[in-house]
Protein backbone atom coordinates (compact mmCIF):
# COMPACT_ATOMS: atom_id res chain seq x y z
CA UNK A 1 -35.00 -3.41 -28.48
CA UNK A 2 -31.47 -3.17 -29.53
CA UNK A 3 -29.80 -6.43 -30.42
CA UNK A 4 -26.32 -6.20 -29.30
CA UNK A 5 -25.55 -9.68 -29.39
CA UNK A 6 -22.02 -11.31 -30.14
CA UNK A 7 -21.35 -11.70 -33.73
CA UNK A 8 -21.12 -14.87 -35.30
CA UNK A 9 -17.49 -16.71 -35.46
CA UNK A 10 -17.44 -16.16 -39.31
CA UNK A 11 -18.64 -12.64 -39.23
CA UNK A 12 -16.01 -12.23 -36.39
CA UNK A 13 -12.67 -13.29 -38.83
CA UNK A 14 -14.29 -12.26 -42.78
CA UNK A 15 -16.72 -9.64 -42.70
CA UNK A 16 -14.99 -7.94 -45.37
CA UNK A 17 -12.08 -9.80 -45.90
CA UNK A 18 -10.40 -7.15 -48.94
CA UNK A 19 -11.02 -4.29 -46.62
CA UNK A 20 -9.60 -6.31 -43.41
CA UNK A 21 -6.03 -7.46 -45.34
CA UNK A 22 -5.87 -3.67 -46.95
CA UNK A 23 -6.36 -1.99 -43.45
CA UNK A 24 -4.39 -4.65 -41.62
CA UNK A 25 -1.67 -4.14 -44.18
CA UNK A 26 -1.23 -0.39 -43.49
CA UNK A 27 -1.33 -0.01 -39.76
CA UNK A 28 1.79 -3.14 -40.10
CA UNK A 29 3.64 -0.06 -41.85
CA UNK A 30 2.70 2.52 -38.83
CA UNK A 31 3.51 0.00 -36.02
CA UNK A 32 6.81 -0.60 -37.09
CA UNK A 33 8.82 2.32 -36.55
CA UNK A 34 6.55 2.90 -33.05
CA UNK A 35 7.70 -0.74 -31.89
CA UNK A 36 11.36 -0.18 -32.85
CA UNK A 37 10.93 3.29 -30.47
CA UNK A 38 9.58 2.12 -27.76
CA UNK A 39 12.33 -0.70 -27.74
CA UNK A 40 15.05 1.99 -27.16
CA UNK A 41 12.55 3.93 -24.59
CA UNK A 42 12.76 0.42 -22.28
CA UNK A 43 16.13 0.65 -23.37
CA UNK A 44 16.39 -3.24 -25.26
CA UNK A 45 17.02 -3.94 -28.64
CA UNK A 46 14.69 -3.32 -31.69
CA UNK A 47 13.79 -6.82 -32.06
CA UNK A 48 12.02 -7.13 -28.76
CA UNK A 49 9.55 -4.61 -29.48
CA UNK A 50 8.89 -5.97 -32.87
CA UNK A 51 8.57 -9.51 -31.59
CA UNK A 52 6.19 -8.08 -29.05
CA UNK A 53 3.80 -6.11 -31.85
CA UNK A 54 3.87 -9.09 -33.77
CA UNK A 55 3.15 -11.93 -30.95
CA UNK A 56 1.08 -9.02 -29.37
CA UNK A 57 -1.16 -8.57 -32.74
CA UNK A 58 -1.58 -12.47 -33.56
CA UNK A 59 -2.70 -13.75 -30.45
CA UNK A 60 -5.18 -10.67 -29.42
CA UNK A 61 -6.44 -11.52 -32.45
CA UNK A 62 -7.82 -14.81 -31.41
CA UNK A 63 -8.65 -14.32 -27.98
CA UNK A 64 -9.48 -10.33 -27.49
CA UNK A 65 -13.11 -9.10 -26.48
CA UNK A 66 -12.94 -6.15 -29.46
CA UNK A 67 -12.45 -6.56 -32.65
CA UNK A 68 -10.52 -5.01 -34.99
CA UNK A 69 -8.79 -3.32 -32.00
CA UNK A 70 -4.38 -3.24 -32.28
CA UNK A 71 -2.37 -4.33 -30.00
CA UNK A 72 1.16 -3.67 -29.81
CA UNK A 73 4.24 -2.51 -27.61
CA UNK A 74 3.31 1.52 -26.28
CA UNK A 75 4.78 4.26 -25.10
CA UNK A 76 2.93 4.01 -21.63
CA UNK A 77 3.78 0.31 -20.93
CA UNK A 78 7.51 0.85 -21.71
CA UNK A 79 8.23 3.93 -19.70
CA UNK A 80 7.53 1.96 -16.97
CA UNK A 81 9.93 -0.78 -18.43
CA UNK A 82 13.23 1.37 -17.87
CA UNK A 83 13.53 0.84 -14.25
CA UNK A 84 13.50 -3.10 -14.38
CA UNK A 85 15.85 -3.42 -17.43
CA UNK A 86 18.46 -0.73 -15.85
CA UNK A 87 17.94 -2.59 -12.54
CA UNK A 88 18.41 -6.33 -14.18
CA UNK A 89 21.58 -5.03 -16.04
CA UNK A 90 22.95 -3.80 -12.76
CA UNK A 91 22.79 -7.22 -11.62
CA UNK A 92 24.44 -8.80 -14.47
CA UNK A 93 25.28 -7.64 -18.16
CA UNK A 94 22.36 -8.27 -20.29
CA UNK A 95 19.81 -9.82 -17.19
CA UNK A 96 17.67 -6.28 -18.25
CA UNK A 97 16.36 -8.36 -20.88
CA UNK A 98 15.36 -11.48 -18.28
CA UNK A 99 14.16 -9.61 -15.79
CA UNK A 100 11.76 -7.74 -18.42
CA UNK A 101 10.72 -11.22 -19.65
CA UNK A 102 9.72 -12.17 -16.00
CA UNK A 103 8.11 -9.16 -15.29
CA UNK A 104 5.74 -9.13 -18.98
CA UNK A 105 4.60 -12.79 -17.10
CA UNK A 106 3.31 -11.55 -14.19
CA UNK A 107 2.10 -8.57 -15.95
CA UNK A 108 0.00 -11.45 -18.40
CA UNK A 109 -0.76 -13.37 -15.19
CA UNK A 110 -1.75 -10.29 -13.06
CA UNK A 111 -4.20 -9.01 -16.26
CA UNK A 112 -6.07 -12.39 -16.38
CA UNK A 113 -6.68 -12.13 -13.17
CA UNK A 114 -8.09 -8.49 -12.94
CA UNK A 115 -10.39 -9.67 -16.02
CA UNK A 116 -12.10 -12.44 -13.36
CA UNK A 117 -12.56 -10.27 -10.59
CA UNK A 118 -14.18 -8.00 -13.49
CA UNK A 119 -11.76 -4.90 -12.92
CA UNK A 120 -13.31 -3.57 -15.99
CA UNK A 121 -16.31 -2.47 -14.06
CA UNK A 122 -14.82 -0.49 -11.80
CA UNK A 123 -13.40 1.84 -14.78
CA UNK A 124 -16.89 3.55 -14.65
CA UNK A 125 -15.94 5.39 -11.60
CA UNK A 126 -12.36 6.55 -12.95
CA UNK A 127 -13.71 10.59 -13.19
CA UNK A 128 -12.73 12.14 -16.86
CA UNK A 129 -10.33 14.54 -14.98
CA UNK A 130 -8.06 11.53 -14.15
CA UNK A 131 -8.26 10.20 -17.64
CA UNK A 132 -7.34 13.77 -18.89
CA UNK A 133 -4.36 13.82 -16.60
CA UNK A 134 -3.23 10.06 -17.47
CA UNK A 135 -3.19 11.19 -20.99
CA UNK A 136 -1.34 14.57 -20.22
CA UNK A 137 1.61 12.84 -18.66
CA UNK A 138 2.08 10.11 -20.97
CA UNK A 139 2.41 12.33 -23.71
CA UNK A 140 4.96 14.78 -21.71
CA UNK A 141 7.13 11.77 -20.74
CA UNK A 142 6.89 10.63 -24.25
CA UNK A 143 8.10 13.62 -25.61
CA UNK A 144 10.83 13.87 -22.87
CA UNK A 145 11.72 10.38 -23.51
CA UNK A 146 13.13 11.94 -27.04
CA UNK A 147 15.37 14.53 -25.72
CA UNK A 148 18.73 12.57 -25.46
CA UNK A 149 17.86 11.97 -29.40
CA UNK A 150 17.88 15.29 -29.69
CA UNK A 151 21.37 16.07 -27.98
CA UNK A 152 19.43 17.01 -24.84
CA UNK A 153 20.76 14.15 -22.61
CA UNK A 154 19.55 15.26 -18.87
CA UNK A 155 19.82 11.85 -17.63
CA UNK A 156 23.61 11.46 -17.82
CA UNK A 157 26.76 12.79 -16.77
CA UNK A 158 30.36 13.06 -17.38
CA UNK A 159 30.99 10.14 -14.83
CA UNK A 160 28.15 7.73 -15.73
CA UNK A 161 29.15 4.47 -17.81
CA UNK A 162 28.50 4.24 -21.21
CA UNK A 163 25.95 2.28 -21.78
CA UNK A 164 22.90 0.72 -23.95
CA UNK A 165 21.12 4.14 -23.67
CA UNK A 166 23.98 6.32 -23.97
CA UNK A 167 26.18 4.59 -27.19
CA UNK A 168 22.93 6.17 -29.60
CA UNK A 169 23.02 10.17 -28.41
CA UNK A 170 23.75 12.09 -31.61
CA UNK A 171 27.13 14.62 -30.52
CA UNK A 172 28.88 17.20 -31.70
CA UNK A 173 28.12 17.97 -35.45
CA UNK A 174 25.60 15.21 -35.73
CA UNK A 175 23.15 17.27 -33.72
CA UNK A 176 22.40 20.01 -35.53
CA UNK A 177 21.40 17.06 -38.78
CA UNK A 178 19.02 15.48 -35.83
CA UNK A 179 17.31 18.65 -35.37
CA UNK A 180 16.78 19.15 -39.19
CA UNK A 181 15.97 15.85 -40.16
CA UNK A 182 13.54 15.68 -36.95
CA UNK A 183 11.96 19.56 -38.10
CA UNK A 184 11.69 17.94 -42.01
CA UNK A 185 10.17 14.87 -40.54
CA UNK A 186 7.40 16.84 -38.82
CA UNK A 187 6.54 18.95 -41.39
CA UNK A 188 6.11 15.94 -43.45
CA UNK A 189 3.75 13.95 -41.12
CA UNK A 190 1.46 17.34 -40.21
CA UNK A 191 1.73 18.77 -43.61
CA UNK A 192 0.98 15.63 -46.17
CA UNK A 193 -2.48 14.73 -44.66
CA UNK A 194 -3.46 18.37 -46.06
CA UNK A 195 -2.22 17.09 -50.02
CA UNK A 196 -3.71 13.26 -49.24
CA UNK A 197 -4.33 10.42 -47.47
CA UNK A 198 -3.49 7.75 -49.24
CA UNK A 199 -0.31 6.80 -47.50
CA UNK A 200 0.65 6.94 -43.58
CA UNK A 201 2.49 9.96 -43.11
CA UNK A 202 4.52 8.79 -40.38
CA UNK A 203 5.79 6.15 -43.10
CA UNK A 204 6.27 8.56 -45.27
CA UNK A 205 8.56 10.99 -43.43
CA UNK A 206 10.67 7.79 -42.42
CA UNK A 207 11.15 6.68 -45.94
CA UNK A 208 11.97 10.55 -47.15
CA UNK A 209 14.23 11.18 -43.68
CA UNK A 210 15.79 7.42 -44.54
CA UNK A 211 16.56 8.51 -48.36
CA UNK A 212 18.29 11.67 -47.35
CA UNK A 213 19.91 9.90 -44.89
CA UNK A 214 21.57 7.23 -46.98
CA UNK A 215 21.86 9.58 -50.28
CA UNK A 216 24.00 12.46 -48.25
CA UNK A 217 26.04 9.38 -45.99
CA UNK A 218 24.96 11.34 -42.87
CA UNK A 219 26.76 10.38 -39.71
CA UNK A 220 24.15 9.96 -37.48
CA UNK A 221 22.70 7.33 -35.35
CA UNK A 222 20.64 4.75 -36.94
CA UNK A 223 18.24 1.85 -36.23
CA UNK A 224 21.14 -0.47 -35.94
CA UNK A 225 23.33 1.86 -33.66
CA UNK A 226 20.40 0.90 -30.98
CA UNK A 227 20.75 -3.31 -31.51
CA UNK A 228 20.02 -6.23 -33.33
CA UNK A 229 16.87 -6.60 -35.93
CA UNK A 230 15.25 -9.97 -35.88
CA UNK A 231 16.51 -12.65 -38.59
CA UNK A 232 13.93 -15.44 -38.04
CA UNK A 233 10.77 -15.81 -36.19
CA UNK A 234 10.78 -15.88 -32.02
CA UNK A 235 11.52 -18.91 -30.35
CA UNK A 236 10.04 -20.17 -27.18
CA UNK A 237 12.43 -19.40 -24.27
CA UNK A 238 11.61 -19.03 -20.60
CA UNK A 239 13.27 -16.28 -18.88
CA UNK A 240 14.32 -18.32 -15.83
CA UNK A 241 17.43 -19.91 -15.11
CA UNK A 242 20.98 -19.69 -13.62
CA UNK A 243 22.60 -16.08 -13.77
CA UNK A 244 25.83 -17.39 -15.73
CA UNK A 245 23.37 -18.29 -18.25
CA UNK A 246 21.91 -14.93 -18.71
CA UNK A 247 18.58 -16.24 -16.85
CA UNK A 248 17.03 -14.96 -13.46
CA UNK A 249 16.39 -17.22 -10.74
CA UNK A 250 12.94 -18.60 -10.25
CA UNK A 251 12.43 -17.20 -6.33
CA UNK A 252 10.88 -14.84 -4.09
CA UNK A 253 13.91 -12.51 -4.53
CA UNK A 254 13.14 -11.91 -8.79
CA UNK A 255 9.39 -11.91 -7.92
CA UNK A 256 9.95 -9.02 -5.23
CA UNK A 257 11.91 -7.36 -8.30
CA UNK A 258 9.77 -7.82 -10.70
CA UNK A 259 6.04 -7.44 -8.77
CA UNK A 260 6.17 -3.43 -9.08
CA UNK A 261 6.85 -3.14 -12.38
CA UNK A 262 4.47 -5.88 -13.39
CA UNK A 263 1.40 -4.31 -11.33
CA UNK A 264 2.01 -0.98 -12.81
CA UNK A 265 2.42 -2.63 -16.22
CA UNK A 266 -0.83 -4.44 -15.73
CA UNK A 267 -2.62 -1.47 -15.10
CA UNK A 268 -1.69 1.23 -16.94
CA UNK A 269 -1.89 -1.33 -19.89
CA UNK A 270 -5.72 -2.24 -19.15
CA UNK A 271 -6.30 1.86 -18.84
CA UNK A 272 -5.22 2.64 -22.22
CA UNK A 273 -6.88 -0.48 -23.32
CA UNK A 274 -10.46 0.41 -21.81
CA UNK A 275 -9.88 4.00 -23.14
CA UNK A 276 -9.00 2.97 -26.76
CA UNK A 277 -11.98 0.08 -26.52
CA UNK A 278 -14.71 3.07 -26.13
CA UNK A 279 -12.89 5.07 -28.82
CA UNK A 280 -13.45 1.83 -31.47
CA UNK A 281 -16.76 1.25 -29.82
CA UNK A 282 -18.01 4.42 -30.24
CA UNK A 283 -16.56 4.86 -33.97
CA UNK A 284 -18.63 1.27 -35.12
CA UNK A 285 -21.29 1.84 -32.58
CA UNK A 286 -21.16 -1.44 -31.26
CA UNK A 287 -20.14 -2.73 -27.50
CA UNK A 288 -17.55 -5.15 -26.64
CA UNK A 289 -17.03 -6.99 -23.34
CA UNK A 290 -13.86 -5.44 -21.01
CA UNK A 291 -13.22 -8.08 -18.93
CA UNK A 292 -12.83 -10.21 -21.88
CA UNK A 293 -10.51 -7.93 -23.33
CA UNK A 294 -8.53 -7.52 -19.99
CA UNK A 295 -7.93 -11.54 -20.14
CA UNK A 296 -6.76 -11.27 -23.76
CA UNK A 297 -4.62 -8.81 -23.14
CA UNK A 298 -2.87 -10.97 -20.73
CA UNK A 299 -2.70 -14.00 -22.51
CA UNK A 300 -1.02 -11.92 -25.29
CA UNK A 301 1.03 -10.53 -22.42
CA UNK A 302 2.28 -14.23 -21.27
CA UNK A 303 2.62 -15.09 -25.04
CA UNK A 304 4.68 -12.13 -26.10
CA UNK A 305 6.90 -12.64 -23.06
CA UNK A 306 7.51 -16.11 -23.87
CA UNK A 307 8.78 -15.39 -27.01
CA UNK A 308 10.93 -12.55 -26.35
CA UNK A 309 8.63 -9.97 -27.03
CA UNK A 310 7.89 -6.64 -24.84
CA UNK A 311 4.69 -6.78 -22.81
CA UNK A 312 1.92 -4.06 -24.30
CA UNK A 313 -1.57 -2.96 -24.67
CA UNK A 314 -3.79 -1.56 -27.06
CA UNK A 315 -3.04 1.47 -29.36
CA UNK A 316 -4.95 4.21 -29.76
CA UNK A 317 -3.59 5.60 -33.03
CA UNK A 318 -3.20 2.40 -34.78
CA UNK A 319 -6.88 1.00 -33.67
CA UNK A 320 -8.22 4.43 -35.06
CA UNK A 321 -6.39 4.27 -38.07
CA UNK A 322 -7.70 0.27 -38.67
CA UNK A 323 -11.11 1.13 -37.94
CA UNK A 324 -11.04 4.09 -40.63
CA UNK A 325 -9.79 1.81 -43.22
CA UNK A 326 -12.04 -0.39 -43.21
CA UNK A 327 -10.69 -3.01 -40.83
CA UNK A 328 -13.22 -4.31 -38.25
CA UNK A 329 -12.71 -7.79 -37.88
CA UNK A 330 -10.09 -10.18 -36.06
CA UNK A 331 -8.74 -10.70 -39.73
CA UNK A 332 -7.56 -7.04 -39.84
CA UNK A 333 -5.62 -7.91 -36.24
CA UNK A 334 -4.04 -10.69 -36.84
CA UNK A 335 -3.22 -9.58 -40.74
CA UNK A 336 -1.09 -6.75 -39.30
CA UNK A 337 1.03 -8.94 -37.03
CA UNK A 338 1.71 -11.27 -39.64
CA UNK A 339 2.28 -8.47 -42.10
CA UNK A 340 4.85 -6.47 -39.63
CA UNK A 341 6.58 -9.93 -39.20
CA UNK A 342 7.03 -10.51 -43.20
CA UNK A 343 8.15 -7.11 -43.73
CA UNK A 344 10.90 -7.13 -41.05
CA UNK A 345 12.20 -10.20 -42.22
CA UNK A 346 11.99 -9.21 -45.78
CA UNK A 347 13.26 -5.39 -45.46
CA UNK A 348 15.72 -5.66 -42.46
CA UNK A 349 18.50 -4.37 -44.46
CA UNK A 350 16.19 -0.98 -45.07
CA UNK A 351 15.06 -0.97 -41.40
CA UNK A 352 18.61 -0.72 -39.99
CA UNK A 353 19.26 2.16 -42.02
CA UNK A 354 16.33 4.44 -40.53
CA UNK A 355 17.67 7.27 -38.95
CA UNK A 356 16.92 7.94 -35.11
CA UNK A 357 15.42 11.32 -36.19
CA UNK A 358 12.53 9.70 -38.12
CA UNK A 359 11.65 7.90 -34.77
CA UNK A 360 11.83 11.16 -32.57
CA UNK A 361 9.61 13.01 -35.28
CA UNK A 362 7.35 10.52 -35.09
CA UNK A 363 7.16 10.01 -31.46
CA UNK A 364 6.61 13.68 -31.07
CA UNK A 365 3.46 13.18 -33.03
CA UNK A 366 2.46 10.60 -30.82
CA UNK A 367 2.90 12.46 -28.07
CA UNK A 368 1.26 15.75 -29.50
CA UNK A 369 -1.60 13.53 -30.52
CA UNK A 370 -2.04 11.72 -26.99
CA UNK A 371 -2.28 14.88 -25.00
CA UNK A 372 -6.08 16.06 -24.01
CA UNK A 373 -5.53 19.51 -26.22
CA UNK A 374 -9.10 20.10 -26.33
CA UNK A 375 -9.25 19.47 -22.27
CA UNK A 376 -6.53 21.75 -21.61
CA UNK A 377 -8.11 24.39 -24.22
CA UNK A 378 -11.40 24.41 -21.53
CA UNK A 379 -9.27 24.55 -18.37
CA UNK A 380 -11.07 28.11 -17.28
CA UNK A 381 -14.79 26.36 -18.60
CA UNK A 382 -14.35 23.39 -16.38
CA UNK A 383 -15.21 23.09 -12.66
CA UNK A 384 -12.03 23.61 -10.43
CA UNK A 385 -12.55 20.21 -8.94
CA UNK A 386 -12.01 18.42 -11.94
CA UNK A 387 -9.26 20.51 -12.89
CA UNK A 388 -7.92 20.00 -9.33
CA UNK A 389 -8.21 15.85 -9.99
CA UNK A 390 -6.34 16.33 -13.70
CA UNK A 391 -3.18 18.52 -11.82
CA UNK A 392 -3.28 15.87 -9.02
CA UNK A 393 -2.63 13.12 -11.53
CA UNK A 394 -0.44 14.68 -13.67
CA UNK A 395 1.78 15.95 -10.60
CA UNK A 396 1.84 12.80 -9.12
CA UNK A 397 3.05 11.01 -12.22
CA UNK A 398 5.54 13.23 -13.14
CA UNK A 399 7.08 13.55 -9.51
CA UNK A 400 7.21 10.01 -8.95
CA UNK A 401 10.56 8.06 -9.50
CA UNK A 402 10.63 6.22 -11.68
CA UNK A 403 7.14 7.98 -13.07
CA UNK A 404 4.15 5.90 -12.41
CA UNK A 405 1.43 6.61 -14.17
CA UNK A 406 -0.76 3.81 -11.92
CA UNK A 407 -0.10 5.78 -8.81
CA UNK A 408 -0.78 8.80 -10.49
CA UNK A 409 -4.55 7.51 -11.40
CA UNK A 410 -5.05 6.34 -7.99
CA UNK A 411 -4.02 9.24 -6.64
CA UNK A 412 -6.36 11.39 -9.10
CA UNK A 413 -9.04 8.91 -8.09
CA UNK A 414 -8.90 9.27 -4.36
CA UNK A 415 -8.58 13.39 -4.89
CA UNK A 416 -11.51 12.65 -7.02
CA UNK A 417 -13.37 10.69 -4.44
CA UNK A 418 -12.63 13.08 -1.12
CA UNK A 419 -14.10 16.30 -3.69
CA UNK A 420 -17.39 14.24 -4.52
CA UNK A 421 -17.60 13.36 -0.87
CA UNK A 422 -17.64 17.03 -0.06
CA UNK A 423 -20.16 17.90 -2.82
CA UNK A 424 -22.38 15.37 -1.40
CA UNK A 425 -22.16 16.02 2.14
CA UNK A 426 -23.55 19.62 1.78
CA UNK A 427 -26.41 18.24 0.46
CA UNK A 428 -27.45 16.89 3.48
CA UNK A 429 -29.87 19.24 5.09
CA UNK A 430 -31.69 19.39 8.80
CA UNK A 431 -34.30 21.69 8.95
CA UNK A 432 -36.56 22.36 12.57
CA UNK A 433 -40.26 23.18 12.93
CA UNK A 434 -41.75 24.34 16.32
CA UNK A 435 -44.50 22.14 16.96
CA UNK A 436 -45.52 23.55 20.26
CA UNK A 437 -43.76 24.98 23.03
CA UNK A 438 -42.98 21.57 24.32
CA UNK A 439 -42.18 20.03 20.72
CA UNK A 440 -39.63 20.24 18.04
CA UNK A 441 -39.71 18.46 14.78
CA UNK A 442 -36.17 17.98 13.17
CA UNK A 443 -36.68 17.11 9.20
CA UNK A 444 -33.14 15.53 7.57
CA UNK A 445 -32.90 15.28 3.74
CA UNK A 446 -29.88 14.04 1.82
CA UNK A 447 -27.33 11.29 2.48
CA UNK A 448 -25.85 10.35 5.96
CA UNK A 449 -22.23 8.86 6.18
CA UNK A 450 -18.76 9.65 7.19
CA UNK A 451 -18.67 13.54 5.25
CA UNK A 452 -21.63 14.64 6.13
CA UNK A 453 -22.01 13.40 9.30
CA UNK A 454 -20.61 17.06 10.69
CA UNK A 455 -23.04 18.96 8.70
CA UNK A 456 -25.66 16.46 10.21
CA UNK A 457 -24.51 17.21 13.72
CA UNK A 458 -24.37 21.16 12.94
CA UNK A 459 -28.26 20.74 12.37
CA UNK A 460 -29.26 20.24 16.09
CA UNK A 461 -29.46 22.11 19.21
CA UNK A 462 -28.67 19.64 21.51
CA UNK A 463 -28.58 22.54 24.14
CA UNK A 464 -32.25 22.66 24.21
CA UNK A 465 -34.43 20.35 25.62
CA UNK A 466 -37.86 20.37 24.61
CA UNK A 467 -40.34 17.48 26.50
CA UNK A 468 -40.50 15.86 22.75
CA UNK A 469 -38.28 15.47 19.82
CA UNK A 470 -39.14 13.77 16.75
CA UNK A 471 -36.38 13.27 14.15
CA UNK A 472 -38.12 12.65 10.62
CA UNK A 473 -35.52 10.78 8.60
CA UNK A 474 -38.28 10.08 5.39
CA UNK A 475 -36.15 11.82 3.29
CA UNK A 476 -32.83 10.23 4.35
CA UNK A 477 -30.41 7.71 4.12
CA UNK A 478 -27.66 6.43 6.34
CA UNK A 479 -24.75 4.61 4.38
CA UNK A 480 -22.45 3.71 7.44
CA UNK A 481 -21.16 3.26 10.59
CA UNK A 482 -20.40 6.96 10.71
CA UNK A 483 -23.74 7.67 9.93
CA UNK A 484 -25.18 5.31 12.44
CA UNK A 485 -22.85 7.17 15.06
CA UNK A 486 -23.92 10.53 14.08
CA UNK A 487 -27.75 9.83 14.80
CA UNK A 488 -27.10 7.43 17.83
CA UNK A 489 -25.18 10.29 19.27
CA UNK A 490 -28.21 12.71 18.54
CA UNK A 491 -30.67 10.54 20.17
CA UNK A 492 -28.75 9.77 22.90
CA UNK A 493 -27.54 13.54 24.43
CA UNK A 494 -31.03 14.79 23.51
CA UNK A 495 -32.29 11.79 26.22
CA UNK A 496 -29.57 12.64 28.19
CA UNK A 497 -31.07 16.26 28.78
CA UNK A 498 -34.81 15.11 29.45
CA UNK A 499 -36.28 15.23 26.25
CA UNK A 500 -38.32 12.07 24.58
CA UNK A 501 -36.61 11.36 21.19
CA UNK A 502 -38.33 9.99 18.08
CA UNK A 503 -37.11 8.90 15.21
CA UNK A 504 -39.82 8.35 12.24
CA UNK A 505 -39.44 7.70 8.65
CA UNK A 506 -36.05 5.51 8.72
CA UNK A 507 -36.46 3.43 5.33
CA UNK A 508 -35.91 -0.43 5.87
CA UNK A 509 -31.81 -0.29 5.06
CA UNK A 510 -30.86 2.76 7.33
CA UNK A 511 -32.76 0.94 10.16
CA UNK A 512 -31.50 -2.48 9.64
CA UNK A 513 -28.21 -1.06 9.51
CA UNK A 514 -28.74 1.21 13.02
CA UNK A 515 -30.25 -2.17 14.55
CA UNK A 516 -26.59 -3.81 13.52
CA UNK A 517 -24.28 -1.60 14.57
CA UNK A 518 -26.25 1.23 16.59
CA UNK A 519 -25.63 2.14 20.60
CA UNK A 520 -28.45 1.09 22.97
CA UNK A 521 -30.97 4.30 22.11
CA UNK A 522 -34.49 2.66 20.50
CA UNK A 523 -33.85 4.06 16.56
CA UNK A 524 -37.36 4.58 16.22
CA UNK A 525 -41.21 4.22 16.20
CA UNK A 526 -42.14 4.13 12.48
């Protein structure tokens, strides 16, 4: 029997310190551009994403359920935050951030609740088609979010007031320069790994593009255009207070505004976290507790929101990078967050000069790696029902305004349930045997519930009334009230026609259910 017991506390933290520290450092380099880019997607200053990355990494290292997994600001959660930030800024200048922090607090509390309600166990019922549609929609949304930075501003017209989102967009002669840098960045990101993997190709792309921008004094948007970078440690602050102080009131109105965002972020964040957890479990040939991870993610998001950071979840790319570089313990996760903050504070002057084009190249690469390319290539091979579920998840996500990944997942699961029910419904079979001229025997096999009820009823000839009818249910099972009603209907109509009806073979669970909610008929003589 395989021993799957939890590693000792010392091994959780000090499994291999040299590898953990080095891996955490490398991961920190990869986290910085993404945290800044995701801040831009959400519509807040870069320091919000960077503080979030730091707080989330440090906290999850202590309270998480999966060692070595990296948690930070992510594209899936950032995309869900754009609406609440815009709504808050519409209420009052600068209130978008306070509403975002309030939503982050509620997100964390919901995730803690989901952990105690064992939501992770329900993830077993999410089919592959839903997961494929989820990641493909996420990939397209991340890619679409880069359009404005490429000069393809599809969301703003001439009469739109200039705001945070429009101030950093390239215009006129800047657009060809931006496109050229983005293409060069993608060449480096995809070409460098063919030569060496000593350094993350995304980091090299950012360094090269930044040197080109500085060396040629290019007039293009940079990270500094997004807003302020942190110049000190994050400080504790509550988002609640008076509107005059840039805070939001602690009342039901605020709760109603942030609840939809918090609910979506909490569910989407956990879905991506659980997917990442499965990947890391497989890479390390270990198991981890998803419900503990859900509670840990909730605590981390609460801490992040209290210290001015955005909510987030596990990162697939960075978690895999950490694992492949030898980071297997909690120390690697902790050191990635600490290293990130040190690099921000010590290298702030350099970070400000990173061109937005470099971050666009990184985000496009992330979008490509996020998509389920393999699943798309196998569309002709997989069952049509799985394709329909994937397309439903994708379509609902893309057609909702704002784009709602959580609603897309729910729609996909619902369709998968309906299609599965139809398949199961057709499994039920009713065969008839003529025992003698005065007796018919119906043999039922399969599952009798609300969907298979129709096929069950079609198997009986209720217009033929021999002296005796036997219904053999020994190879069938009744699951719900609809199944009970169907059997009751058959018994009642056959008896009204003058037949003596005997039901045999009902198992204990089916018989108990029939006796509790069935009609006035005697169900069986077993």
